[in-house]
């Protein structure tokens, strides 16, 4: 039986600790949002606009954060060696003919 080297064991332990901390923070924030939404929805059952706003605002914030953090897959600059026509949409190209 071979022993696991100490540096590998320490790196694995550090990564496991980071994963637990990140998941705990995620669960804590999710629970806080859930509690706030539950309080607002139960307090404003007769106001549908407030219920929709209570449920929509956190979803919009999460969507904005996710789209802001995503890497941009479409570049507006031409790659080196290619002209500007390489990235022009077909409709624009046909309209300029």
PDB file of N, CA and C in Angstrom:
ATOM      1  N   UNK A   1       0.842  -1.174   0.000  1.00  0.00           N
ATOM      2  CA  UNK A   1       0.000   0.000   0.000  1.00  0.00           C
ATOM      3  C   UNK A   1       0.891   1.241   0.000  1.00  0.00           C
ATOM      4  N   UNK A   2       0.614   2.159  -0.906  1.00  0.00           N
ATOM      5  CA  UNK A   2       1.426   3.364  -0.991  1.00  0.00           C
ATOM      6  C   UNK A   2       0.776   4.487  -0.184  1.00  0.00           C
ATOM      7  N   UNK A   3       1.604   5.268   0.440  1.00  0.00           N
ATOM      8  CA  UNK A   3       1.117   6.399   1.226  1.00  0.00           C
ATOM      9  C   UNK A   3       0.955   7.619   0.328  1.00  0.00           C
ATOM     10  N   UNK A   4      -0.036   8.418   0.616  1.00  0.00           N
ATOM     11  CA  UNK A   4      -0.253   9.654  -0.146  1.00  0.00           C
ATOM     12  C   UNK A   4       0.753  10.685   0.356  1.00  0.00           C
ATOM     13  N   UNK A   5       1.467  11.347  -0.558  1.00  0.00           N
ATOM     14  CA  UNK A   5       2.444  12.355  -0.131  1.00  0.00           C
ATOM     15  C   UNK A   5       1.754  13.494   0.634  1.00  0.00           C
ATOM     16  N   UNK A   6       2.433  14.031   1.606  1.00  0.00           N
ATOM     17  CA  UNK A   6       1.878  15.072   2.466  1.00  0.00           C
ATOM     18  C   UNK A   6       1.440  16.312   1.689  1.00  0.00           C
ATOM     19  N   UNK A   7       2.230  16.816   0.720  1.00  0.00           N
ATOM     20  CA  UNK A   7       1.760  18.002  -0.015  1.00  0.00           C
ATOM     21  C   UNK A   7       0.453  17.747  -0.781  1.00  0.00           C
ATOM     22  N   UNK A   8       0.324  16.568  -1.353  1.00  0.00           N
ATOM     23  CA  UNK A   8      -0.911  16.244  -2.077  1.00  0.00           C
ATOM     24  C   UNK A   8      -2.082  16.178  -1.107  1.00  0.00           C
ATOM     25  N   UNK A   9      -1.854  15.602   0.046  1.00  0.00           N
ATOM     26  CA  UNK A   9      -2.892  15.510   1.068  1.00  0.00           C
ATOM     27  C   UNK A   9      -3.299  16.898   1.563  1.00  0.00           C
ATOM     28  N   UNK A  10      -2.337  17.796   1.759  1.00  0.00           N
ATOM     29  CA  UNK A  10      -2.639  19.155   2.215  1.00  0.00           C
ATOM     30  C   UNK A  10      -3.405  19.946   1.158  1.00  0.00           C
ATOM     31  N   UNK A  11      -3.022  19.794  -0.104  1.00  0.00           N
ATOM     32  CA  UNK A  11      -3.743  20.493  -1.179  1.00  0.00           C
ATOM     33  C   UNK A  11      -5.179  19.980  -1.269  1.00  0.00           C
ATOM     34  N   UNK A  12      -5.354  18.664  -1.166  1.00  0.00           N
ATOM     35  CA  UNK A  12      -6.694  18.096  -1.193  1.00  0.00           C
ATOM     36  C   UNK A  12      -7.541  18.582  -0.032  1.00  0.00           C
ATOM     37  N   UNK A  13      -6.943  18.663   1.144  1.00  0.00           N
ATOM     38  CA  UNK A  13      -7.648  19.160   2.318  1.00  0.00           C
ATOM     39  C   UNK A  13      -8.030  20.630   2.160  1.00  0.00           C
ATOM     40  N   UNK A  14      -7.130  21.432   1.603  1.00  0.00           N
ATOM     41  CA  UNK A  14      -7.425  22.848   1.379  1.00  0.00           C
ATOM     42  C   UNK A  14      -8.560  23.019   0.371  1.00  0.00           C
ATOM     43  N   UNK A  15      -8.540  22.241  -0.708  1.00  0.00           N
ATOM     44  CA  UNK A  15      -9.611  22.326  -1.706  1.00  0.00           C
ATOM     45  C   UNK A  15     -10.951  21.880  -1.126  1.00  0.00           C
ATOM     46  N   UNK A  16     -10.938  20.840  -0.316  1.00  0.00           N
ATOM     47  CA  UNK A  16     -12.176  20.389   0.319  1.00  0.00           C
ATOM     48  C   UNK A  16     -12.715  21.446   1.273  1.00  0.00           C
ATOM     49  N   UNK A  17     -11.834  22.104   2.008  1.00  0.00           N
ATOM     50  CA  UNK A  17     -12.260  23.162   2.920  1.00  0.00           C
ATOM     51  C   UNK A  17     -12.853  24.332   2.152  1.00  0.00           C
ATOM     52  N   UNK A  18     -12.215  24.715   1.049  1.00  0.00           N
ATOM     53  CA  UNK A  18     -12.761  25.801   0.228  1.00  0.00           C
ATOM     54  C   UNK A  18     -14.137  25.452  -0.323  1.00  0.00           C
ATOM     55  N   UNK A  19     -14.317  24.207  -0.756  1.00  0.00           N
ATOM     56  CA  UNK A  19     -15.616  23.793  -1.287  1.00  0.00           C
ATOM     57  C   UNK A  19     -16.686  23.850  -0.209  1.00  0.00           C
ATOM     58  N   UNK A  20     -16.365  23.400   1.001  1.00  0.00           N
ATOM     59  CA  UNK A  20     -17.347  23.433   2.096  1.00  0.00           C
ATOM     60  C   UNK A  20     -17.700  24.871   2.460  1.00  0.00           C
ATOM     61  N   UNK A  21     -16.716  25.747   2.524  1.00  0.00           N
ATOM     62  CA  UNK A  21     -16.967  27.150   2.864  1.00  0.00           C
ATOM     63  C   UNK A  21     -17.830  27.804   1.786  1.00  0.00           C
ATOM     64  N   UNK A  22     -17.513  27.559   0.522  1.00  0.00           N
ATOM     65  CA  UNK A  22     -18.287  28.158  -0.567  1.00  0.00           C
ATOM     66  C   UNK A  22     -19.728  27.652  -0.556  1.00  0.00           C
ATOM     67  N   UNK A  23     -19.915  26.354  -0.351  1.00  0.00           N
ATOM     68  CA  UNK A  23     -21.275  25.819  -0.308  1.00  0.00           C
ATOM     69  C   UNK A  23     -22.034  26.333   0.906  1.00  0.00           C
ATOM     70  N   UNK A  24     -21.358  26.475   2.043  1.00  0.00           N
ATOM     71  CA  UNK A  24     -22.020  26.990   3.224  1.00  0.00           C
ATOM     72  C   UNK A  24     -22.484  28.424   2.999  1.00  0.00           C
ATOM     73  N   UNK A  25     -21.626  29.252   2.397  1.00  0.00           N
ATOM     74  CA  UNK A  25     -22.012  30.632   2.103  1.00  0.00           C
ATOM     75  C   UNK A  25     -23.188  30.667   1.130  1.00  0.00           C
ATOM     76  N   UNK A  26     -23.150  29.808   0.131  1.00  0.00           N
ATOM     77  CA  UNK A  26     -24.244  29.751  -0.841  1.00  0.00           C
ATOM     78  C   UNK A  26     -25.548  29.356  -0.158  1.00  0.00           C
ATOM     79  N   UNK A  27     -25.506  28.347   0.701  1.00  0.00           N
ATOM     80  CA  UNK A  27     -26.713  27.936   1.416  1.00  0.00           C
ATOM     81  C   UNK A  27     -27.200  29.018   2.370  1.00  0.00           C
ATOM     82  N   UNK A  28     -26.300  29.713   3.020  1.00  0.00           N
ATOM     83  CA  UNK A  28     -26.673  30.777   3.945  1.00  0.00           C
ATOM     84  C   UNK A  28     -27.345  31.939   3.207  1.00  0.00           C
ATOM     85  N   UNK A  29     -26.772  32.356   2.092  1.00  0.00           N
ATOM     86  CA  UNK A  29     -27.369  33.447   1.314  1.00  0.00           C
ATOM     87  C   UNK A  29     -28.713  33.009   0.727  1.00  0.00           C
ATOM     88  N   UNK A  30     -28.767  31.802   0.202  1.00  0.00           N
ATOM     89  CA  UNK A  30     -30.035  31.297  -0.342  1.00  0.00           C
ATOM     90  C   UNK A  30     -31.115  31.209   0.719  1.00  0.00           C
ATOM     91  N   UNK A  31     -30.750  30.771   1.919  1.00  0.00           N
ATOM     92  CA  UNK A  31     -31.715  30.719   3.014  1.00  0.00           C
ATOM     93  C   UNK A  31     -32.192  32.094   3.428  1.00  0.00           C
ATOM     94  N   UNK A  32     -31.291  33.064   3.420  1.00  0.00           N
ATOM     95  CA  UNK A  32     -31.692  34.445   3.741  1.00  0.00           C
ATOM     96  C   UNK A  32     -32.655  35.018   2.717  1.00  0.00           C
ATOM     97  N   UNK A  33     -32.369  34.781   1.447  1.00  0.00           N
ATOM     98  CA  UNK A  33     -33.269  35.251   0.386  1.00  0.00           C
ATOM     99  C   UNK A  33     -34.617  34.554   0.497  1.00  0.00           C
ATOM    100  N   UNK A  34     -34.607  33.256   0.758  1.00  0.00           N
ATOM    101  CA  UNK A  34     -35.847  32.502   0.910  1.00  0.00           C
ATOM    102  C   UNK A  34     -36.670  33.020   2.081  1.00  0.00           C
ATOM    103  N   UNK A  35     -36.029  33.288   3.202  1.00  0.00           N
ATOM    104  CA  UNK A  35     -36.751  33.802   4.368  1.00  0.00           C
ATOM    105  C   UNK A  35     -37.356  35.178   4.089  1.00  0.00           C
ATOM    106  N   UNK A  36     -36.586  36.048   3.431  1.00  0.00           N
ATOM    107  CA  UNK A  36     -37.109  37.376   3.110  1.00  0.00           C
ATOM    108  C   UNK A  36     -38.287  37.287   2.139  1.00  0.00           C
ATOM    109  N   UNK A  37     -38.176  36.425   1.143  1.00  0.00           N
ATOM    110  CA  UNK A  37     -39.277  36.259   0.200  1.00  0.00           C
ATOM    111  C   UNK A  37     -40.513  35.687   0.895  1.00  0.00           C
ATOM    112  N   UNK A  38     -40.311  34.720   1.756  1.00  0.00           N
ATOM    113  CA  UNK A  38     -41.442  34.121   2.454  1.00  0.00           C
ATOM    114  C   UNK A  38     -42.151  35.160   3.318  1.00  0.00           C
ATOM    115  N   UNK A  39     -41.372  35.993   4.040  1.00  0.00           N
ATOM    116  CA  UNK A  39     -41.981  37.040   4.865  1.00  0.00           C
ATOM    117  C   UNK A  39     -42.768  38.036   4.023  1.00  0.00           C
ATOM    118  N   UNK A  40     -42.207  38.440   2.892  1.00  0.00           N
ATOM    119  CA  UNK A  40     -42.900  39.414   2.030  1.00  0.00           C
ATOM    120  C   UNK A  40     -44.158  38.819   1.404  1.00  0.00           C
ATOM    121  N   UNK A  41     -44.088  37.580   0.946  1.00  0.00           N
ATOM    122  CA  UNK A  41     -45.237  36.963   0.289  1.00  0.00           C
ATOM    123  C   UNK A  41     -46.356  36.721   1.294  1.00  0.00           C
ATOM    124  N   UNK A  42     -46.022  36.275   2.493  1.00  0.00           N
ATOM    125  CA  UNK A  42     -47.077  36.042   3.488  1.00  0.00           C
ATOM    126  C   UNK A  42     -47.664  37.346   3.996  1.00  0.00           C
ATOM    127  N   UNK A  43     -46.878  38.421   4.026  1.00  0.00           N
ATOM    128  CA  UNK A  43     -47.394  39.709   4.490  1.00  0.00           C
ATOM    129  C   UNK A  43     -48.222  40.407   3.420  1.00  0.00           C
ATOM    130  N   UNK A  44     -47.984  40.112   2.164  1.00  0.00           N
ATOM    131  CA  UNK A  44     -48.659  40.835   1.074  1.00  0.00           C
ATOM    132  C   UNK A  44     -49.403  39.868   0.162  1.00  0.00           C
ATOM    133  N   UNK A  45     -50.156  38.951   0.749  1.00  0.00           N
ATOM    134  CA  UNK A  45     -50.894  37.986  -0.069  1.00  0.00           C
ATOM    135  C   UNK A  45     -51.942  38.652  -0.948  1.00  0.00           C
ATOM    136  N   UNK A  46     -52.497  39.788  -0.494  1.00  0.00           N
ATOM    137  CA  UNK A  46     -53.564  40.446  -1.252  1.00  0.00           C
ATOM    138  C   UNK A  46     -53.034  41.429  -2.296  1.00  0.00           C
ATOM    139  N   UNK A  47     -51.725  41.585  -2.406  1.00  0.00           N
ATOM    140  CA  UNK A  47     -51.144  42.509  -3.377  1.00  0.00           C
ATOM    141  C   UNK A  47     -50.296  41.708  -4.368  1.00  0.00           C
ATOM    142  N   UNK A  48     -50.890  41.319  -5.515  1.00  0.00           N
ATOM    143  CA  UNK A  48     -50.144  40.478  -6.458  1.00  0.00           C
ATOM    144  C   UNK A  48     -48.906  41.155  -7.043  1.00  0.00           C
ATOM    145  N   UNK A  49     -48.939  42.465  -7.205  1.00  0.00           N
ATOM    146  CA  UNK A  49     -47.778  43.164  -7.763  1.00  0.00           C
ATOM    147  C   UNK A  49     -46.587  43.068  -6.819  1.00  0.00           C
ATOM    148  N   UNK A  50     -46.831  43.181  -5.528  1.00  0.00           N
ATOM    149  CA  UNK A  50     -45.743  43.081  -4.557  1.00  0.00           C
ATOM    150  C   UNK A  50     -45.206  41.656  -4.480  1.00  0.00           C
ATOM    151  N   UNK A  51     -46.089  40.672  -4.627  1.00  0.00           N
ATOM    152  CA  UNK A  51     -45.651  39.275  -4.631  1.00  0.00           C
ATOM    153  C   UNK A  51     -44.757  39.010  -5.843  1.00  0.00           C
ATOM    154  N   UNK A  52     -45.167  39.496  -7.007  1.00  0.00           N
ATOM    155  CA  UNK A  52     -44.363  39.306  -8.218  1.00  0.00           C
ATOM    156  C   UNK A  52     -43.024  40.021  -8.090  1.00  0.00           C
ATOM    157  N   UNK A  53     -43.038  41.243  -7.560  1.00  0.00           N
ATOM    158  CA  UNK A  53     -41.786  41.982  -7.384  1.00  0.00           C
ATOM    159  C   UNK A  53     -40.871  41.274  -6.387  1.00  0.00           C
ATOM    160  N   UNK A  54     -41.462  40.714  -5.334  1.00  0.00           N
ATOM    161  CA  UNK A  54     -40.669  40.001  -4.330  1.00  0.00           C
ATOM    162  C   UNK A  54     -39.972  38.789  -4.937  1.00  0.00           C
ATOM    163  N   UNK A  55     -40.653  38.112  -5.834  1.00  0.00           N
ATOM    164  CA  UNK A  55     -40.058  36.928  -6.447  1.00  0.00           C
ATOM    165  C   UNK A  55     -39.155  37.273  -7.630  1.00  0.00           C
ATOM    166  N   UNK A  56     -39.415  38.376  -8.309  1.00  0.00           N
ATOM    167  CA  UNK A  56     -38.676  38.705  -9.530  1.00  0.00           C
ATOM    168  C   UNK A  56     -37.358  39.426  -9.262  1.00  0.00           C
ATOM    169  N   UNK A  57     -37.310  40.282  -8.258  1.00  0.00           N
ATOM    170  CA  UNK A  57     -36.106  41.091  -8.042  1.00  0.00           C
ATOM    171  C   UNK A  57     -34.871  40.235  -7.757  1.00  0.00           C
ATOM    172  N   UNK A  58     -34.924  39.258  -6.846  1.00  0.00           N
ATOM    173  CA  UNK A  58     -33.721  38.424  -6.654  1.00  0.00           C
ATOM    174  C   UNK A  58     -33.337  37.647  -7.910  1.00  0.00           C
ATOM    175  N   UNK A  59     -34.330  37.205  -8.672  1.00  0.00           N
ATOM    176  CA  UNK A  59     -34.016  36.483  -9.907  1.00  0.00           C
ATOM    177  C   UNK A  59     -33.324  37.395 -10.915  1.00  0.00           C
ATOM    178  N   UNK A  60     -33.777  38.634 -11.013  1.00  0.00           N
ATOM    179  CA  UNK A  60     -33.135  39.583 -11.932  1.00  0.00           C
ATOM    180  C   UNK A  60     -31.717  39.918 -11.485  1.00  0.00           C
ATOM    181  N   UNK A  61     -31.504  40.039 -10.191  1.00  0.00           N
ATOM    182  CA  UNK A  61     -30.157  40.326  -9.679  1.00  0.00           C
ATOM    183  C   UNK A  61     -29.221  39.166  -9.992  1.00  0.00           C
ATOM    184  N   UNK A  62     -29.688  37.943  -9.769  1.00  0.00           N
ATOM    185  CA  UNK A  62     -28.861  36.768 -10.070  1.00  0.00           C
ATOM    186  C   UNK A  62     -28.567  36.690 -11.562  1.00  0.00           C
ATOM    187  N   UNK A  63     -29.570  36.952 -12.399  1.00  0.00           N
ATOM    188  CA  UNK A  63     -29.354  36.920 -13.853  1.00  0.00           C
ATOM    189  C   UNK A  63     -28.340  37.978 -14.277  1.00  0.00           C
ATOM    190  N   UNK A  64     -28.415  39.167 -13.690  1.00  0.00           N
ATOM    191  CA  UNK A  64     -27.470  40.231 -14.032  1.00  0.00           C
ATOM    192  C   UNK A  64     -26.051  39.859 -13.608  1.00  0.00           C
ATOM    193  N   UNK A  65     -25.914  39.282 -12.433  1.00  0.00           N
ATOM    194  CA  UNK A  65     -24.579  38.884 -11.958  1.00  0.00           C
ATOM    195  C   UNK A  65     -24.005  37.787 -12.841  1.00  0.00           C
ATOM    196  N   UNK A  66     -24.832  36.811 -13.188  1.00  0.00           N
ATOM    197  CA  UNK A  66     -24.351  35.704 -14.017  1.00  0.00           C
ATOM    198  C   UNK A  66     -23.930  36.199 -15.391  1.00  0.00           C
ATOM    199  N   UNK A  67     -24.742  37.042 -16.017  1.00  0.00           N
ATOM    200  CA  UNK A  67     -24.388  37.527 -17.351  1.00  0.00           C
ATOM    201  C   UNK A  67     -23.199  38.480 -17.304  1.00  0.00           C
ATOM    202  N   UNK A  68     -23.038  39.203 -16.211  1.00  0.00           N
ATOM    203  CA  UNK A  68     -21.890  40.106 -16.092  1.00  0.00           C
ATOM    204  C   UNK A  68     -20.599  39.319 -15.898  1.00  0.00           C
ATOM    205  N   UNK A  69     -20.666  38.199 -15.196  1.00  0.00           N
ATOM    206  CA  UNK A  69     -19.480  37.399 -14.915  1.00  0.00           C
ATOM    207  C   UNK A  69     -19.117  36.434 -16.038  1.00  0.00           C
ATOM    208  N   UNK A  70     -20.042  36.200 -16.971  1.00  0.00           N
ATOM    209  CA  UNK A  70     -19.751  35.265 -18.064  1.00  0.00           C
ATOM    210  C   UNK A  70     -18.708  35.854 -19.002  1.00  0.00           C
ATOM    211  N   UNK A  71     -17.820  35.022 -19.497  1.00  0.00           N
ATOM    212  CA  UNK A  71     -16.863  35.537 -20.482  1.00  0.00           C
ATOM    213  C   UNK A  71     -17.594  35.856 -21.782  1.00  0.00           C
ATOM    214  N   UNK A  72     -17.192  36.943 -22.396  1.00  0.00           N
ATOM    215  CA  UNK A  72     -17.827  37.340 -23.648  1.00  0.00           C
ATOM    216  C   UNK A  72     -17.342  36.421 -24.761  1.00  0.00           C
ATOM    217  N   UNK A  73     -18.265  35.761 -25.410  1.00  0.00           N
ATOM    218  CA  UNK A  73     -17.910  34.799 -26.452  1.00  0.00           C
ATOM    219  C   UNK A  73     -17.819  35.458 -27.817  1.00  0.00           C
ATOM    220  N   UNK A  74     -18.448  36.609 -27.979  1.00  0.00           N
ATOM    221  CA  UNK A  74     -18.415  37.293 -29.268  1.00  0.00           C
ATOM    222  C   UNK A  74     -17.574  38.547 -29.104  1.00  0.00           C
ATOM    223  N   UNK A  75     -16.552  38.633 -29.869  1.00  0.00           N
ATOM    224  CA  UNK A  75     -15.684  39.796 -29.805  1.00  0.00           C
ATOM    225  C   UNK A  75     -16.098  40.797 -30.869  1.00  0.00           C
ATOM    226  N   UNK A  76     -16.063  42.056 -30.521  1.00  0.00           N
ATOM    227  CA  UNK A  76     -16.417  43.098 -31.480  1.00  0.00           C
ATOM    228  C   UNK A  76     -15.197  43.569 -32.262  1.00  0.00           C
ATOM    229  N   UNK A  77     -14.052  43.050 -31.895  1.00  0.00           N
ATOM    230  CA  UNK A  77     -12.838  43.399 -32.626  1.00  0.00           C
ATOM    231  C   UNK A  77     -12.458  42.243 -33.539  1.00  0.00           C
ATOM    232  N   UNK A  78     -11.922  42.575 -34.676  1.00  0.00           N
ATOM    233  CA  UNK A  78     -11.501  41.533 -35.612  1.00  0.00           C
ATOM    234  C   UNK A  78     -10.248  40.850 -35.090  1.00  0.00           C
ATOM    235  N   UNK A  79     -10.143  39.577 -35.375  1.00  0.00           N
ATOM    236  CA  UNK A  79      -8.958  38.831 -34.979  1.00  0.00           C
ATOM    237  C   UNK A  79      -7.765  39.313 -35.795  1.00  0.00           C
ATOM    238  N   UNK A  80      -6.556  39.168 -35.285  1.00  0.00           N
ATOM    239  CA  UNK A  80      -5.379  39.610 -36.046  1.00  0.00           C
ATOM    240  C   UNK A  80      -5.298  38.889 -37.380  1.00  0.00           C
ATOM    241  N   UNK A  81      -5.085  39.652 -38.413  1.00  0.00           N
ATOM    242  CA  UNK A  81      -4.952  39.073 -39.743  1.00  0.00           C
ATOM    243  C   UNK A  81      -6.262  39.002 -40.519  1.00  0.00           C
ATOM    244  N   UNK A  82      -7.374  39.256 -39.860  1.00  0.00           N
ATOM    245  CA  UNK A  82      -8.660  39.234 -40.539  1.00  0.00           C
ATOM    246  C   UNK A  82      -9.195  40.654 -40.649  1.00  0.00           C
ATOM    247  N   UNK A  83      -9.872  40.912 -41.719  1.00  0.00           N
ATOM    248  CA  UNK A  83     -10.449  42.238 -41.902  1.00  0.00           C
ATOM    249  C   UNK A  83     -11.726  42.400 -41.104  1.00  0.00           C
ATOM    250  N   UNK A  84     -12.272  43.600 -41.114  1.00  0.00           N
ATOM    251  CA  UNK A  84     -13.505  43.884 -40.384  1.00  0.00           C
ATOM    252  C   UNK A  84     -14.683  43.127 -40.990  1.00  0.00           C
ATOM    253  N   UNK A  85     -14.605  42.756 -42.270  1.00  0.00           N
ATOM    254  CA  UNK A  85     -15.713  42.050 -42.919  1.00  0.00           C
ATOM    255  C   UNK A  85     -15.888  40.637 -42.384  1.00  0.00           C
ATOM    256  N   UNK A  86     -14.883  40.099 -41.722  1.00  0.00           N
ATOM    257  CA  UNK A  86     -14.969  38.729 -41.226  1.00  0.00           C
ATOM    258  C   UNK A  86     -16.014  38.589 -40.118  1.00  0.00           C
ATOM    259  N   UNK A  87     -16.313  39.665 -39.384  1.00  0.00           N
ATOM    260  CA  UNK A  87     -17.239  39.588 -38.267  1.00  0.00           C
ATOM    261  C   UNK A  87     -18.556  40.313 -38.539  1.00  0.00           C
ATOM    262  N   UNK A  88     -18.780  40.739 -39.763  1.00  0.00           N
ATOM    263  CA  UNK A  88     -20.025  41.452 -40.067  1.00  0.00           C
ATOM    264  C   UNK A  88     -21.141  40.452 -40.298  1.00  0.00           C
ATOM    265  N   UNK A  89     -22.321  40.712 -39.734  1.00  0.00           N
ATOM    266  CA  UNK A  89     -23.454  39.820 -39.981  1.00  0.00           C
ATOM    267  C   UNK A  89     -23.843  39.828 -41.454  1.00  0.00           C
ATOM    268  N   UNK A  90     -24.484  38.764 -41.881  1.00  0.00           N
ATOM    269  CA  UNK A  90     -24.871  38.609 -43.282  1.00  0.00           C
ATOM    270  C   UNK A  90     -25.835  39.706 -43.705  1.00  0.00           C
ATOM    271  N   UNK A  91     -26.785  40.066 -42.839  1.00  0.00           N
ATOM    272  CA  UNK A  91     -27.765  41.090 -43.181  1.00  0.00           C
ATOM    273  C   UNK A  91     -27.105  42.437 -43.440  1.00  0.00           C
ATOM    274  N   UNK A  92     -26.106  42.777 -42.640  1.00  0.00           N
ATOM    275  CA  UNK A  92     -25.390  44.033 -42.836  1.00  0.00           C
ATOM    276  C   UNK A  92     -24.603  43.988 -44.138  1.00  0.00           C
ATOM    277  N   UNK A  93     -23.998  42.845 -44.411  1.00  0.00           N
ATOM    278  CA  UNK A  93     -23.208  42.702 -45.631  1.00  0.00           C
ATOM    279  C   UNK A  93     -24.088  42.845 -46.871  1.00  0.00           C
ATOM    280  N   UNK A  94     -25.286  42.235 -46.834  1.00  0.00           N
ATOM    281  CA  UNK A  94     -26.180  42.318 -47.983  1.00  0.00           C
ATOM    282  C   UNK A  94     -26.746  43.720 -48.140  1.00  0.00           C
ATOM    283  N   UNK A  95     -26.956  44.423 -47.036  1.00  0.00           N
ATOM    284  CA  UNK A  95     -27.520  45.768 -47.103  1.00  0.00           C
ATOM    285  C   UNK A  95     -26.525  46.775 -47.676  1.00  0.00           C
ATOM    286  N   UNK A  96     -25.227  46.490 -47.557  1.00  0.00           N
ATOM    287  CA  UNK A  96     -24.231  47.438 -48.042  1.00  0.00           C
ATOM    288  C   UNK A  96     -23.851  47.189 -49.501  1.00  0.00           C
ATOM    289  N   UNK A  97     -24.409  46.144 -50.108  1.00  0.00           N
ATOM    290  CA  UNK A  97     -24.067  45.867 -51.513  1.00  0.00           C
ATOM    291  C   UNK A  97     -24.786  46.805 -52.447  1.00  0.00           C
TER     292      UNK A  97
END
